[in-house]
Amino acid sequence: MAHPVDVHVGKRIRHRRWLVGMTQQQLAECVGIKFQQIQKYETGANRVSASRLWDIAEALDVPVSFFFEGIENESAAEEGAAESVPADIMGDKEALDLVRSYYAIPENQRRRLFELARVLSDVA
């Protein structure tokens, strides 16, 4: 079974890769490994060595500490903290795609959509 820290680091790698619009293949090429290895890192199946994490951080233009952000919150959520929103919502590809699409909408329409979403969430 994968260690929770390895899973968290993998999720953060995937999250950042999605944010910058990079494929697993592109990241693998930047780091000098096969894309299958990136897949294994992202699922937590394989641990990322310190030197490899350094290379990934450089390729994704973030400090190494980025990959450990939020790990305390994730631990608290696993201990039974009930939330209506997942602790790592931006780690979800669908949520990230929704945010990207939202900001692609012209500002006046985006404001109206936001108000609609607010009304709908109050009703639900």
PDB file of N, CA and C in Angstrom:
ATOM      1  N   MET A   1       0.834  -1.180   0.000  1.00  0.00           N
ATOM      2  CA  MET A   1       0.000   0.000   0.000  1.00  0.00           C
ATOM      3  C   MET A   1       0.881   1.246   0.000  1.00  0.00           C
ATOM      4  N   ALA A   2       0.480   2.241  -0.764  1.00  0.00           N
ATOM      5  CA  ALA A   2       1.261   3.464  -0.890  1.00  0.00           C
ATOM      6  C   ALA A   2       1.201   4.288   0.395  1.00  0.00           C
ATOM      7  N   HIS A   3       2.295   4.914   0.734  1.00  0.00           N
ATOM      8  CA  HIS A   3       2.365   5.782   1.902  1.00  0.00           C
ATOM      9  C   HIS A   3       1.572   7.057   1.617  1.00  0.00           C
ATOM     10  N   PRO A   4       0.823   7.567   2.593  1.00  0.00           N
ATOM     11  CA  PRO A   4       0.008   8.770   2.369  1.00  0.00           C
ATOM     12  C   PRO A   4       0.806   9.985   1.885  1.00  0.00           C
ATOM     13  N   VAL A   5       2.050  10.103   2.312  1.00  0.00           N
ATOM     14  CA  VAL A   5       2.870  11.237   1.850  1.00  0.00           C
ATOM     15  C   VAL A   5       3.182  11.082   0.365  1.00  0.00           C
ATOM     16  N   ASP A   6       3.494   9.869  -0.060  1.00  0.00           N
ATOM     17  CA  ASP A   6       3.775   9.636  -1.481  1.00  0.00           C
ATOM     18  C   ASP A   6       2.543   9.927  -2.330  1.00  0.00           C
ATOM     19  N   VAL A   7       1.371   9.555  -1.834  1.00  0.00           N
ATOM     20  CA  VAL A   7       0.121   9.830  -2.550  1.00  0.00           C
ATOM     21  C   VAL A   7      -0.118  11.332  -2.633  1.00  0.00           C
ATOM     22  N   HIS A   8       0.115  12.039  -1.535  1.00  0.00           N
ATOM     23  CA  HIS A   8      -0.078  13.496  -1.511  1.00  0.00           C
ATOM     24  C   HIS A   8       0.870  14.187  -2.490  1.00  0.00           C
ATOM     25  N   VAL A   9       2.135  13.822  -2.452  1.00  0.00           N
ATOM     26  CA  VAL A   9       3.117  14.417  -3.365  1.00  0.00           C
ATOM     27  C   VAL A   9       2.713  14.131  -4.808  1.00  0.00           C
ATOM     28  N   GLY A  10       2.274  12.927  -5.091  1.00  0.00           N
ATOM     29  CA  GLY A  10       1.825  12.578  -6.442  1.00  0.00           C
ATOM     30  C   GLY A  10       0.646  13.416  -6.890  1.00  0.00           C
ATOM     31  N   LYS A  11      -0.317  13.628  -5.991  1.00  0.00           N
ATOM     32  CA  LYS A  11      -1.478  14.467  -6.325  1.00  0.00           C
ATOM     33  C   LYS A  11      -1.045  15.894  -6.633  1.00  0.00           C
ATOM     34  N   ARG A  12      -0.080  16.379  -5.859  1.00  0.00           N
ATOM     35  CA  ARG A  12       0.396  17.762  -6.072  1.00  0.00           C
ATOM     36  C   ARG A  12       1.161  17.874  -7.398  1.00  0.00           C
ATOM     37  N   ILE A  13       1.890  16.830  -7.777  1.00  0.00           N
ATOM     38  CA  ILE A  13       2.570  16.833  -9.083  1.00  0.00           C
ATOM     39  C   ILE A  13       1.519  16.909 -10.181  1.00  0.00           C
ATOM     40  N   ARG A  14       0.501  16.046 -10.096  1.00  0.00           N
ATOM     41  CA  ARG A  14      -0.570  16.036 -11.097  1.00  0.00           C
ATOM     42  C   ARG A  14      -1.294  17.379 -11.136  1.00  0.00           C
ATOM     43  N   HIS A  15      -1.599  17.913  -9.977  1.00  0.00           N
ATOM     44  CA  HIS A  15      -2.297  19.199  -9.876  1.00  0.00           C
ATOM     45  C   HIS A  15      -1.510  20.302 -10.588  1.00  0.00           C
ATOM     46  N   ARG A  16      -0.245  20.403 -10.297  1.00  0.00           N
ATOM     47  CA  ARG A  16       0.574  21.458 -10.915  1.00  0.00           C
ATOM     48  C   ARG A  16       0.719  21.222 -12.413  1.00  0.00           C
ATOM     49  N   ARG A  17       0.885  19.971 -12.798  1.00  0.00           N
ATOM     50  CA  ARG A  17       1.021  19.657 -14.230  1.00  0.00           C
ATOM     51  C   ARG A  17      -0.232  20.087 -14.974  1.00  0.00           C
ATOM     52  N   TRP A  18      -1.418  19.796 -14.390  1.00  0.00           N
ATOM     53  CA  TRP A  18      -2.679  20.220 -15.008  1.00  0.00           C
ATOM     54  C   TRP A  18      -2.761  21.740 -15.079  1.00  0.00           C
ATOM     55  N   LEU A  19      -2.341  22.407 -13.996  1.00  0.00           N
ATOM     56  CA  LEU A  19      -2.428  23.866 -13.957  1.00  0.00           C
ATOM     57  C   LEU A  19      -1.622  24.527 -15.072  1.00  0.00           C
ATOM     58  N   VAL A  20      -0.455  23.991 -15.339  1.00  0.00           N
ATOM     59  CA  VAL A  20       0.383  24.581 -16.385  1.00  0.00           C
ATOM     60  C   VAL A  20       0.067  24.024 -17.772  1.00  0.00           C
ATOM     61  N   GLY A  21      -0.871  23.064 -17.839  1.00  0.00           N
ATOM     62  CA  GLY A  21      -1.277  22.511 -19.128  1.00  0.00           C
ATOM     63  C   GLY A  21      -0.254  21.597 -19.757  1.00  0.00           C
ATOM     64  N   MET A  22       0.464  20.874 -18.936  1.00  0.00           N
ATOM     65  CA  MET A  22       1.515  19.983 -19.416  1.00  0.00           C
ATOM     66  C   MET A  22       1.020  18.538 -19.374  1.00  0.00           C
ATOM     67  N   THR A  23       1.388  17.756 -20.369  1.00  0.00           N
ATOM     68  CA  THR A  23       1.039  16.334 -20.371  1.00  0.00           C
ATOM     69  C   THR A  23       2.084  15.557 -19.573  1.00  0.00           C
ATOM     70  N   GLN A  24       1.742  14.312 -19.239  1.00  0.00           N
ATOM     71  CA  GLN A  24       2.710  13.455 -18.571  1.00  0.00           C
ATOM     72  C   GLN A  24       3.941  13.254 -19.448  1.00  0.00           C
ATOM     73  N   GLN A  25       3.712  13.118 -20.736  1.00  0.00           N
ATOM     74  CA  GLN A  25       4.816  12.927 -21.677  1.00  0.00           C
ATOM     75  C   GLN A  25       5.750  14.133 -21.675  1.00  0.00           C
ATOM     76  N   GLN A  26       5.177  15.333 -21.694  1.00  0.00           N
ATOM     77  CA  GLN A  26       5.992  16.549 -21.700  1.00  0.00           C
ATOM     78  C   GLN A  26       6.812  16.675 -20.420  1.00  0.00           C
ATOM     79  N   LEU A  27       6.179  16.398 -19.285  1.00  0.00           N
ATOM     80  CA  LEU A  27       6.905  16.466 -18.016  1.00  0.00           C
ATOM     81  C   LEU A  27       8.017  15.427 -17.988  1.00  0.00           C
ATOM     82  N   ALA A  28       7.702  14.227 -18.434  1.00  0.00           N
ATOM     83  CA  ALA A  28       8.712  13.167 -18.461  1.00  0.00           C
ATOM     84  C   ALA A  28       9.914  13.562 -19.308  1.00  0.00           C
ATOM     85  N   GLU A  29       9.655  14.173 -20.456  1.00  0.00           N
ATOM     86  CA  GLU A  29      10.751  14.612 -21.326  1.00  0.00           C
ATOM     87  C   GLU A  29      11.598  15.687 -20.656  1.00  0.00           C
ATOM     88  N   CYS A  30      10.956  16.613 -19.944  1.00  0.00           N
ATOM     89  CA  CYS A  30      11.692  17.667 -19.234  1.00  0.00           C
ATOM     90  C   CYS A  30      12.603  17.086 -18.162  1.00  0.00           C
ATOM     91  N   VAL A  31      12.136  16.019 -17.525  1.00  0.00           N
ATOM     92  CA  VAL A  31      12.858  15.424 -16.409  1.00  0.00           C
ATOM     93  C   VAL A  31      13.814  14.324 -16.879  1.00  0.00           C
ATOM     94  N   GLY A  32      13.589  13.811 -18.078  1.00  0.00           N
ATOM     95  CA  GLY A  32      14.474  12.777 -18.625  1.00  0.00           C
ATOM     96  C   GLY A  32      14.106  11.370 -18.209  1.00  0.00           C
ATOM     97  N   ILE A  33      12.796  11.119 -18.073  1.00  0.00           N
ATOM     98  CA  ILE A  33      12.323   9.777 -17.732  1.00  0.00           C
ATOM     99  C   ILE A  33      11.162   9.413 -18.649  1.00  0.00           C
ATOM    100  N   LYS A  34      10.621   8.211 -18.498  1.00  0.00           N
ATOM    101  CA  LYS A  34       9.471   7.764 -19.291  1.00  0.00           C
ATOM    102  C   LYS A  34       8.178   8.270 -18.645  1.00  0.00           C
ATOM    103  N   PHE A  35       7.152   8.479 -19.463  1.00  0.00           N
ATOM    104  CA  PHE A  35       5.899   8.999 -18.933  1.00  0.00           C
ATOM    105  C   PHE A  35       5.244   8.029 -17.959  1.00  0.00           C
ATOM    106  N   GLN A  36       5.531   6.725 -18.114  1.00  0.00           N
ATOM    107  CA  GLN A  36       4.965   5.740 -17.193  1.00  0.00           C
ATOM    108  C   GLN A  36       5.447   5.986 -15.767  1.00  0.00           C
ATOM    109  N   GLN A  37       6.670   6.481 -15.648  1.00  0.00           N
ATOM    110  CA  GLN A  37       7.201   6.780 -14.320  1.00  0.00           C
ATOM    111  C   GLN A  37       6.449   7.957 -13.700  1.00  0.00           C
ATOM    112  N   ILE A  38       6.100   8.950 -14.517  1.00  0.00           N
ATOM    113  CA  ILE A  38       5.299  10.080 -14.033  1.00  0.00           C
ATOM    114  C   ILE A  38       3.948   9.558 -13.554  1.00  0.00           C
ATOM    115  N   GLN A  39       3.348   8.639 -14.307  1.00  0.00           N
ATOM    116  CA  GLN A  39       2.074   8.035 -13.893  1.00  0.00           C
ATOM    117  C   GLN A  39       2.206   7.394 -12.511  1.00  0.00           C
ATOM    118  N   LYS A  40       3.271   6.657 -12.319  1.00  0.00           N
ATOM    119  CA  LYS A  40       3.481   5.973 -11.038  1.00  0.00           C
ATOM    120  C   LYS A  40       3.689   6.967  -9.902  1.00  0.00           C
ATOM    121  N   TYR A  41       4.413   8.069 -10.172  1.00  0.00           N
ATOM    122  CA  TYR A  41       4.590   9.111  -9.158  1.00  0.00           C
ATOM    123  C   TYR A  41       3.244   9.736  -8.800  1.00  0.00           C
ATOM    124  N   GLU A  42       2.447  10.041  -9.822  1.00  0.00           N
ATOM    125  CA  GLU A  42       1.181  10.737  -9.599  1.00  0.00           C
ATOM    126  C   GLU A  42       0.172   9.901  -8.825  1.00  0.00           C
ATOM    127  N   THR A  43       0.239   8.601  -8.931  1.00  0.00           N
ATOM    128  CA  THR A  43      -0.683   7.739  -8.191  1.00  0.00           C
ATOM    129  C   THR A  43      -0.135   7.375  -6.811  1.00  0.00           C
ATOM    130  N   GLY A  44       1.131   7.679  -6.580  1.00  0.00           N
ATOM    131  CA  GLY A  44       1.755   7.315  -5.314  1.00  0.00           C
ATOM    132  C   GLY A  44       2.264   5.892  -5.312  1.00  0.00           C
ATOM    133  N   ALA A  45       2.184   5.217  -6.454  1.00  0.00           N
ATOM    134  CA  ALA A  45       2.671   3.837  -6.549  1.00  0.00           C
ATOM    135  C   ALA A  45       4.181   3.782  -6.364  1.00  0.00           C
ATOM    136  N   ASN A  46       4.886   4.806  -6.847  1.00  0.00           N
ATOM    137  CA  ASN A  46       6.340   4.898  -6.677  1.00  0.00           C
ATOM    138  C   ASN A  46       6.675   6.167  -5.918  1.00  0.00           C
ATOM    139  N   ARG A  47       7.658   6.056  -5.058  1.00  0.00           N
ATOM    140  CA  ARG A  47       8.151   7.228  -4.336  1.00  0.00           C
ATOM    141  C   ARG A  47       9.020   8.065  -5.258  1.00  0.00           C
ATOM    142  N   VAL A  48       8.968   9.379  -5.033  1.00  0.00           N
ATOM    143  CA  VAL A  48       9.797  10.303  -5.801  1.00  0.00           C
ATOM    144  C   VAL A  48      11.039  10.598  -4.968  1.00  0.00           C
ATOM    145  N   SER A  49      12.207  10.340  -5.521  1.00  0.00           N
ATOM    146  CA  SER A  49      13.441  10.638  -4.787  1.00  0.00           C
ATOM    147  C   SER A  49      13.607  12.155  -4.678  1.00  0.00           C
ATOM    148  N   ALA A  50      14.439  12.581  -3.756  1.00  0.00           N
ATOM    149  CA  ALA A  50      14.670  14.013  -3.537  1.00  0.00           C
ATOM    150  C   ALA A  50      15.197  14.695  -4.802  1.00  0.00           C
ATOM    151  N   SER A  51      16.134  14.064  -5.471  1.00  0.00           N
ATOM    152  CA  SER A  51      16.712  14.677  -6.668  1.00  0.00           C
ATOM    153  C   SER A  51      15.700  14.737  -7.811  1.00  0.00           C
ATOM    154  N   ARG A  52      14.865  13.703  -7.920  1.00  0.00           N
ATOM    155  CA  ARG A  52      13.841  13.698  -8.969  1.00  0.00           C
ATOM    156  C   ARG A  52      12.766  14.749  -8.658  1.00  0.00           C
ATOM    157  N   LEU A  53      12.415  14.886  -7.379  1.00  0.00           N
ATOM    158  CA  LEU A  53      11.434  15.896  -6.984  1.00  0.00           C
ATOM    159  C   LEU A  53      11.970  17.290  -7.293  1.00  0.00           C
ATOM    160  N   TRP A  54      13.250  17.469  -7.100  1.00  0.00           N
ATOM    161  CA  TRP A  54      13.903  18.743  -7.431  1.00  0.00           C
ATOM    162  C   TRP A  54      13.757  19.027  -8.931  1.00  0.00           C
ATOM    163  N   ASP A  55      14.026  18.014  -9.757  1.00  0.00           N
ATOM    164  CA  ASP A  55      13.905  18.170 -11.212  1.00  0.00           C
ATOM    165  C   ASP A  55      12.459  18.468 -11.619  1.00  0.00           C
ATOM    166  N   ILE A  56      11.513  17.783 -11.004  1.00  0.00           N
ATOM    167  CA  ILE A  56      10.100  17.992 -11.315  1.00  0.00           C
ATOM    168  C   ILE A  56       9.686  19.408 -10.914  1.00  0.00           C
ATOM    169  N   ALA A  57      10.144  19.849  -9.752  1.00  0.00           N
ATOM    170  CA  ALA A  57       9.827  21.207  -9.284  1.00  0.00           C
ATOM    171  C   ALA A  57      10.349  22.247 -10.267  1.00  0.00           C
ATOM    172  N   GLU A  58      11.556  22.051 -10.761  1.00  0.00           N
ATOM    173  CA  GLU A  58      12.121  22.981 -11.752  1.00  0.00           C
ATOM    174  C   GLU A  58      11.312  22.961 -13.042  1.00  0.00           C
ATOM    175  N   ALA A  59      10.934  21.769 -13.501  1.00  0.00           N
ATOM    176  CA  ALA A  59      10.171  21.640 -14.748  1.00  0.00           C
ATOM    177  C   ALA A  59       8.786  22.291 -14.617  1.00  0.00           C
ATOM    178  N   LEU A  60       8.205  22.227 -13.409  1.00  0.00           N
ATOM    179  CA  LEU A  60       6.866  22.782 -13.188  1.00  0.00           C
ATOM    180  C   LEU A  60       6.912  24.197 -12.607  1.00  0.00           C
ATOM    181  N   ASP A  61       8.120  24.721 -12.426  1.00  0.00           N
ATOM    182  CA  ASP A  61       8.345  26.099 -11.961  1.00  0.00           C
ATOM    183  C   ASP A  61       7.700  26.383 -10.603  1.00  0.00           C
ATOM    184  N   VAL A  62       7.955  25.491  -9.653  1.00  0.00           N
ATOM    185  CA  VAL A  62       7.489  25.674  -8.280  1.00  0.00           C
ATOM    186  C   VAL A  62       8.614  25.288  -7.326  1.00  0.00           C
ATOM    187  N   PRO A  63       8.570  25.788  -6.081  1.00  0.00           N
ATOM    188  CA  PRO A  63       9.550  25.317  -5.096  1.00  0.00           C
ATOM    189  C   PRO A  63       9.205  23.893  -4.674  1.00  0.00           C
ATOM    190  N   VAL A  64      10.165  23.155  -4.203  1.00  0.00           N
ATOM    191  CA  VAL A  64       9.941  21.779  -3.770  1.00  0.00           C
ATOM    192  C   VAL A  64       8.872  21.732  -2.678  1.00  0.00           C
ATOM    193  N   SER A  65       8.812  22.749  -1.850  1.00  0.00           N
ATOM    194  CA  SER A  65       7.831  22.782  -0.751  1.00  0.00           C
ATOM    195  C   SER A  65       6.393  22.745  -1.258  1.00  0.00           C
ATOM    196  N   PHE A  66       6.160  23.154  -2.505  1.00  0.00           N
ATOM    197  CA  PHE A  66       4.813  23.132  -3.091  1.00  0.00           C
ATOM    198  C   PHE A  66       4.188  21.744  -2.969  1.00  0.00           C
ATOM    199  N   PHE A  67       4.992  20.711  -3.141  1.00  0.00           N
ATOM    200  CA  PHE A  67       4.477  19.351  -3.170  1.00  0.00           C
ATOM    201  C   PHE A  67       4.025  18.849  -1.796  1.00  0.00           C
ATOM    202  N   PHE A  68       4.402  19.577  -0.737  1.00  0.00           N
ATOM    203  CA  PHE A  68       4.024  19.181   0.618  1.00  0.00           C
ATOM    204  C   PHE A  68       2.945  20.092   1.208  1.00  0.00           C
ATOM    205  N   GLU A  69       2.568  21.127   0.481  1.00  0.00           N
ATOM    206  CA  GLU A  69       1.539  22.040   0.976  1.00  0.00           C
ATOM    207  C   GLU A  69       0.217  21.304   1.151  1.00  0.00           C
ATOM    208  N   GLY A  70      -0.470  21.595   2.248  1.00  0.00           N
ATOM    209  CA  GLY A  70      -1.777  21.018   2.500  1.00  0.00           C
ATOM    210  C   GLY A  70      -1.762  19.619   3.074  1.00  0.00           C
ATOM    211  N   ILE A  71      -0.597  19.078   3.337  1.00  0.00           N
ATOM    212  CA  ILE A  71      -0.534  17.706   3.832  1.00  0.00           C
ATOM    213  C   ILE A  71      -1.147  17.600   5.231  1.00  0.00           C
ATOM    214  N   GLU A  72      -1.043  18.665   6.030  1.00  0.00           N
ATOM    215  CA  GLU A  72      -1.642  18.653   7.368  1.00  0.00           C
ATOM    216  C   GLU A  72      -3.160  18.615   7.255  1.00  0.00           C
ATOM    217  N   ASN A  73      -3.727  19.380   6.328  1.00  0.00           N
ATOM    218  CA  ASN A  73      -5.179  19.407   6.128  1.00  0.00           C
ATOM    219  C   ASN A  73      -5.690  18.053   5.672  1.00  0.00           C
ATOM    220  N   GLU A  74      -4.939  17.406   4.800  1.00  0.00           N
ATOM    221  CA  GLU A  74      -5.340  16.096   4.296  1.00  0.00           C
ATOM    222  C   GLU A  74      -5.356  15.074   5.425  1.00  0.00           C
ATOM    223  N   SER A  75      -4.395  15.158   6.323  1.00  0.00           N
ATOM    224  CA  SER A  75      -4.348  14.242   7.463  1.00  0.00           C
ATOM    225  C   SER A  75      -5.561  14.444   8.361  1.00  0.00           C
ATOM    226  N   ALA A  76      -5.939  15.707   8.587  1.00  0.00           N
ATOM    227  CA  ALA A  76      -7.105  15.996   9.423  1.00  0.00           C
ATOM    228  C   ALA A  76      -8.374  15.471   8.764  1.00  0.00           C
ATOM    229  N   ALA A  77      -8.475  15.608   7.463  1.00  0.00           N
ATOM    230  CA  ALA A  77      -9.661  15.128   6.742  1.00  0.00           C
ATOM    231  C   ALA A  77      -9.770  13.611   6.835  1.00  0.00           C
ATOM    232  N   GLU A  78      -8.644  12.929   6.791  1.00  0.00           N
ATOM    233  CA  GLU A  78      -8.647  11.472   6.885  1.00  0.00           C
ATOM    234  C   GLU A  78      -9.064  11.005   8.271  1.00  0.00           C
ATOM    235  N   GLU A  79      -8.859  11.863   9.293  1.00  0.00           N
ATOM    236  CA  GLU A  79      -9.204  11.483  10.658  1.00  0.00           C
ATOM    237  C   GLU A  79     -10.679  11.698  10.950  1.00  0.00           C
ATOM    238  N   GLY A  80     -11.470  12.024   9.929  1.00  0.00           N
ATOM    239  CA  GLY A  80     -12.910  12.079  10.113  1.00  0.00           C
ATOM    240  C   GLY A  80     -13.530  13.452  10.040  1.00  0.00           C
ATOM    241  N   ALA A  81     -12.809  14.464   9.653  1.00  0.00           N
ATOM    242  CA  ALA A  81     -13.401  15.792   9.514  1.00  0.00           C
ATOM    243  C   ALA A  81     -14.347  15.769   8.325  1.00  0.00           C
ATOM    244  N   ALA A  82     -15.628  15.982   8.578  1.00  0.00           N
ATOM    245  CA  ALA A  82     -16.644  15.944   7.516  1.00  0.00           C
ATOM    246  C   ALA A  82     -16.725  17.300   6.830  1.00  0.00           C
ATOM    247  N   GLU A  83     -16.610  17.292   5.511  1.00  0.00           N
ATOM    248  CA  GLU A  83     -16.693  18.517   4.722  1.00  0.00           C
ATOM    249  C   GLU A  83     -17.594  18.276   3.527  1.00  0.00           C
ATOM    250  N   SER A  84     -18.250  19.350   3.068  1.00  0.00           N
ATOM    251  CA  SER A  84     -19.069  19.216   1.866  1.00  0.00           C
ATOM    252  C   SER A  84     -18.215  19.392   0.616  1.00  0.00           C
ATOM    253  N   VAL A  85     -17.033  20.002   0.776  1.00  0.00           N
ATOM    254  CA  VAL A  85     -16.118  20.214  -0.345  1.00  0.00           C
ATOM    255  C   VAL A  85     -14.853  19.412  -0.057  1.00  0.00           C
ATOM    256  N   PRO A  86     -14.347  18.662  -1.044  1.00  0.00           N
ATOM    257  CA  PRO A  86     -13.119  17.889  -0.821  1.00  0.00           C
ATOM    258  C   PRO A  86     -11.958  18.791  -0.395  1.00  0.00           C
ATOM    259  N   ALA A  87     -11.075  18.266   0.450  1.00  0.00           N
ATOM    260  CA  ALA A  87      -9.935  19.040   0.948  1.00  0.00           C
ATOM    261  C   ALA A  87      -9.036  19.495  -0.200  1.00  0.00           C
ATOM    262  N   ASP A  88      -8.882  18.673  -1.223  1.00  0.00           N
ATOM    263  CA  ASP A  88      -8.002  19.003  -2.342  1.00  0.00           C
ATOM    264  C   ASP A  88      -8.837  19.180  -3.609  1.00  0.00           C
ATOM    265  N   ILE A  89      -9.748  20.151  -3.573  1.00  0.00           N
ATOM    266  CA  ILE A  89     -10.670  20.329  -4.702  1.00  0.00           C
ATOM    267  C   ILE A  89      -9.927  20.637  -5.997  1.00  0.00           C
ATOM    268  N   MET A  90      -8.823  21.371  -5.926  1.00  0.00           N
ATOM    269  CA  MET A  90      -8.100  21.703  -7.142  1.00  0.00           C
ATOM    270  C   MET A  90      -7.232  20.540  -7.621  1.00  0.00           C
ATOM    271  N   GLY A  91      -7.213  19.466  -6.882  1.00  0.00           N
ATOM    272  CA  GLY A  91      -6.555  18.250  -7.340  1.00  0.00           C
ATOM    273  C   GLY A  91      -7.462  17.426  -8.228  1.00  0.00           C
ATOM    274  N   ASP A  92      -8.713  17.846  -8.337  1.00  0.00           N
ATOM    275  CA  ASP A  92      -9.701  17.158  -9.156  1.00  0.00           C
ATOM    276  C   ASP A  92      -9.704  17.777 -10.556  1.00  0.00           C
ATOM    277  N   LYS A  93      -9.478  16.967 -11.575  1.00  0.00           N
ATOM    278  CA  LYS A  93      -9.376  17.483 -12.944  1.00  0.00           C
ATOM    279  C   LYS A  93     -10.647  18.199 -13.377  1.00  0.00           C
ATOM    280  N   GLU A  94     -11.795  17.660 -13.017  1.00  0.00           N
ATOM    281  CA  GLU A  94     -13.062  18.285 -13.399  1.00  0.00           C
ATOM    282  C   GLU A  94     -13.187  19.681 -12.788  1.00  0.00           C
ATOM    283  N   ALA A  95     -12.800  19.831 -11.533  1.00  0.00           N
ATOM    284  CA  ALA A  95     -12.862  21.142 -10.880  1.00  0.00           C
ATOM    285  C   ALA A  95     -11.907  22.122 -11.546  1.00  0.00           C
ATOM    286  N   LEU A  96     -10.727  21.650 -11.882  1.00  0.00           N
ATOM    287  CA  LEU A  96      -9.743  22.506 -12.531  1.00  0.00           C
ATOM    288  C   LEU A  96     -10.230  22.936 -13.912  1.00  0.00           C
ATOM    289  N   ASP A  97     -10.815  22.018 -14.674  1.00  0.00           N
ATOM    290  CA  ASP A  97     -11.365  22.354 -15.990  1.00  0.00           C
ATOM    291  C   ASP A  97     -12.492  23.374 -15.853  1.00  0.00           C
ATOM    292  N   LEU A  98     -13.301  23.222 -14.812  1.00  0.00           N
ATOM    293  CA  LEU A  98     -14.392  24.158 -14.565  1.00  0.00           C
ATOM    294  C   LEU A  98     -13.851  25.560 -14.278  1.00  0.00           C
ATOM    295  N   VAL A  99     -12.822  25.650 -13.469  1.00  0.00           N
ATOM    296  CA  VAL A  99     -12.222  26.957 -13.158  1.00  0.00           C
ATOM    297  C   VAL A  99     -11.626  27.586 -14.410  1.00  0.00           C
ATOM    298  N   ARG A 100     -10.925  26.798 -15.212  1.00  0.00           N
ATOM    299  CA  ARG A 100     -10.358  27.329 -16.464  1.00  0.00           C
ATOM    300  C   ARG A 100     -11.461  27.852 -17.384  1.00  0.00           C
ATOM    301  N   SER A 101     -12.531  27.083 -17.514  1.00  0.00           N
ATOM    302  CA  SER A 101     -13.651  27.497 -18.368  1.00  0.00           C
ATOM    303  C   SER A 101     -14.310  28.748 -17.825  1.00  0.00           C
ATOM    304  N   TYR A 102     -14.469  28.811 -16.513  1.00  0.00           N
ATOM    305  CA  TYR A 102     -15.090  29.974 -15.868  1.00  0.00           C
ATOM    306  C   TYR A 102     -14.326  31.252 -16.200  1.00  0.00           C
ATOM    307  N   TYR A 103     -13.010  31.220 -16.100  1.00  0.00           N
ATOM    308  CA  TYR A 103     -12.210  32.416 -16.365  1.00  0.00           C
ATOM    309  C   TYR A 103     -12.069  32.722 -17.852  1.00  0.00           C
ATOM    310  N   ALA A 104     -12.488  31.811 -18.703  1.00  0.00           N
ATOM    311  CA  ALA A 104     -12.487  32.077 -20.144  1.00  0.00           C
ATOM    312  C   ALA A 104     -13.748  32.849 -20.564  1.00  0.00           C
ATOM    313  N   ILE A 105     -14.739  32.924 -19.678  1.00  0.00           N
ATOM    314  CA  ILE A 105     -15.994  33.633 -19.957  1.00  0.00           C
ATOM    315  C   ILE A 105     -15.763  35.128 -19.750  1.00  0.00           C
ATOM    316  N   PRO A 106     -16.330  35.982 -20.623  1.00  0.00           N
ATOM    317  CA  PRO A 106     -16.192  37.436 -20.426  1.00  0.00           C
ATOM    318  C   PRO A 106     -16.701  37.854 -19.038  1.00  0.00           C
ATOM    319  N   GLU A 107     -16.072  38.875 -18.460  1.00  0.00           N
ATOM    320  CA  GLU A 107     -16.314  39.233 -17.064  1.00  0.00           C
ATOM    321  C   GLU A 107     -17.781  39.499 -16.723  1.00  0.00           C
ATOM    322  N   ASN A 108     -18.504  40.228 -17.555  1.00  0.00           N
ATOM    323  CA  ASN A 108     -19.901  40.532 -17.222  1.00  0.00           C
ATOM    324  C   ASN A 108     -20.753  39.258 -17.189  1.00  0.00           C
ATOM    325  N   GLN A 109     -20.507  38.349 -18.113  1.00  0.00           N
ATOM    326  CA  GLN A 109     -21.238  37.077 -18.125  1.00  0.00           C
ATOM    327  C   GLN A 109     -20.796  36.184 -16.971  1.00  0.00           C
ATOM    328  N   ARG A 110     -19.514  36.271 -16.644  1.00  0.00           N
ATOM    329  CA  ARG A 110     -18.977  35.477 -15.549  1.00  0.00           C
ATOM    330  C   ARG A 110     -19.632  35.882 -14.226  1.00  0.00           C
ATOM    331  N   ARG A 111     -19.835  37.177 -14.025  1.00  0.00           N
ATOM    332  CA  ARG A 111     -20.495  37.662 -12.812  1.00  0.00           C
ATOM    333  C   ARG A 111     -21.918  37.123 -12.704  1.00  0.00           C
ATOM    334  N   ARG A 112     -22.629  37.125 -13.831  1.00  0.00           N
ATOM    335  CA  ARG A 112     -24.002  36.614 -13.852  1.00  0.00           C
ATOM    336  C   ARG A 112     -24.027  35.114 -13.567  1.00  0.00           C
ATOM    337  N   LEU A 113     -23.084  34.393 -14.147  1.00  0.00           N
ATOM    338  CA  LEU A 113     -22.990  32.957 -13.898  1.00  0.00           C
ATOM    339  C   LEU A 113     -22.700  32.690 -12.424  1.00  0.00           C
ATOM    340  N   PHE A 114     -21.844  33.479 -11.840  1.00  0.00           N
ATOM    341  CA  PHE A 114     -21.510  33.338 -10.427  1.00  0.00           C
ATOM    342  C   PHE A 114     -22.753  33.536  -9.558  1.00  0.00           C
ATOM    343  N   GLU A 115     -23.524  34.563  -9.858  1.00  0.00           N
ATOM    344  CA  GLU A 115     -24.755  34.810  -9.095  1.00  0.00           C
ATOM    345  C   GLU A 115     -25.743  33.660  -9.256  1.00  0.00           C
ATOM    346  N   LEU A 116     -25.859  33.123 -10.467  1.00  0.00           N
ATOM    347  CA  LEU A 116     -26.733  31.974 -10.704  1.00  0.00           C
ATOM    348  C   LEU A 116     -26.286  30.779  -9.863  1.00  0.00           C
ATOM    349  N   ALA A 117     -24.999  30.520  -9.861  1.00  0.00           N
ATOM    350  CA  ALA A 117     -24.455  29.394  -9.089  1.00  0.00           C
ATOM    351  C   ALA A 117     -24.729  29.593  -7.594  1.00  0.00           C
ATOM    352  N   ARG A 118     -24.603  30.801  -7.131  1.00  0.00           N
ATOM    353  CA  ARG A 118     -24.899  31.098  -5.727  1.00  0.00           C
ATOM    354  C   ARG A 118     -26.349  30.802  -5.373  1.00  0.00           C
ATOM    355  N   VAL A 119     -27.256  31.247  -6.247  1.00  0.00           N
ATOM    356  CA  VAL A 119     -28.674  31.012  -6.022  1.00  0.00           C
ATOM    357  C   VAL A 119     -28.969  29.515  -6.022  1.00  0.00           C
ATOM    358  N   LEU A 120     -28.424  28.812  -6.996  1.00  0.00           N
ATOM    359  CA  LEU A 120     -28.654  27.366  -7.084  1.00  0.00           C
ATOM    360  C   LEU A 120     -28.106  26.614  -5.874  1.00  0.00           C
ATOM    361  N   SER A 121     -26.956  27.034  -5.385  1.00  0.00           N
ATOM    362  CA  SER A 121     -26.381  26.336  -4.230  1.00  0.00           C
ATOM    363  C   SER A 121     -27.167  26.622  -2.959  1.00  0.00           C
ATOM    364  N   ASP A 122     -27.792  27.791  -2.863  1.00  0.00           N
ATOM    365  CA  ASP A 122     -28.628  28.096  -1.695  1.00  0.00           C
ATOM    366  C   ASP A 122     -29.905  27.271  -1.708  1.00  0.00           C
ATOM    367  N   VAL A 123     -30.407  26.957  -2.904  1.00  0.00           N
ATOM    368  CA  VAL A 123     -31.641  26.184  -3.048  1.00  0.00           C
ATOM    369  C   VAL A 123     -31.391  24.712  -2.711  1.00  0.00           C
ATOM    370  N   ALA A 124     -30.242  24.206  -3.136  1.00  0.00           N
ATOM    371  CA  ALA A 124     -29.951  22.775  -2.987  1.00  0.00           C
ATOM    372  C   ALA A 124     -29.842  22.308  -1.579  1.00  0.00           C
TER     373      ALA A 124
END
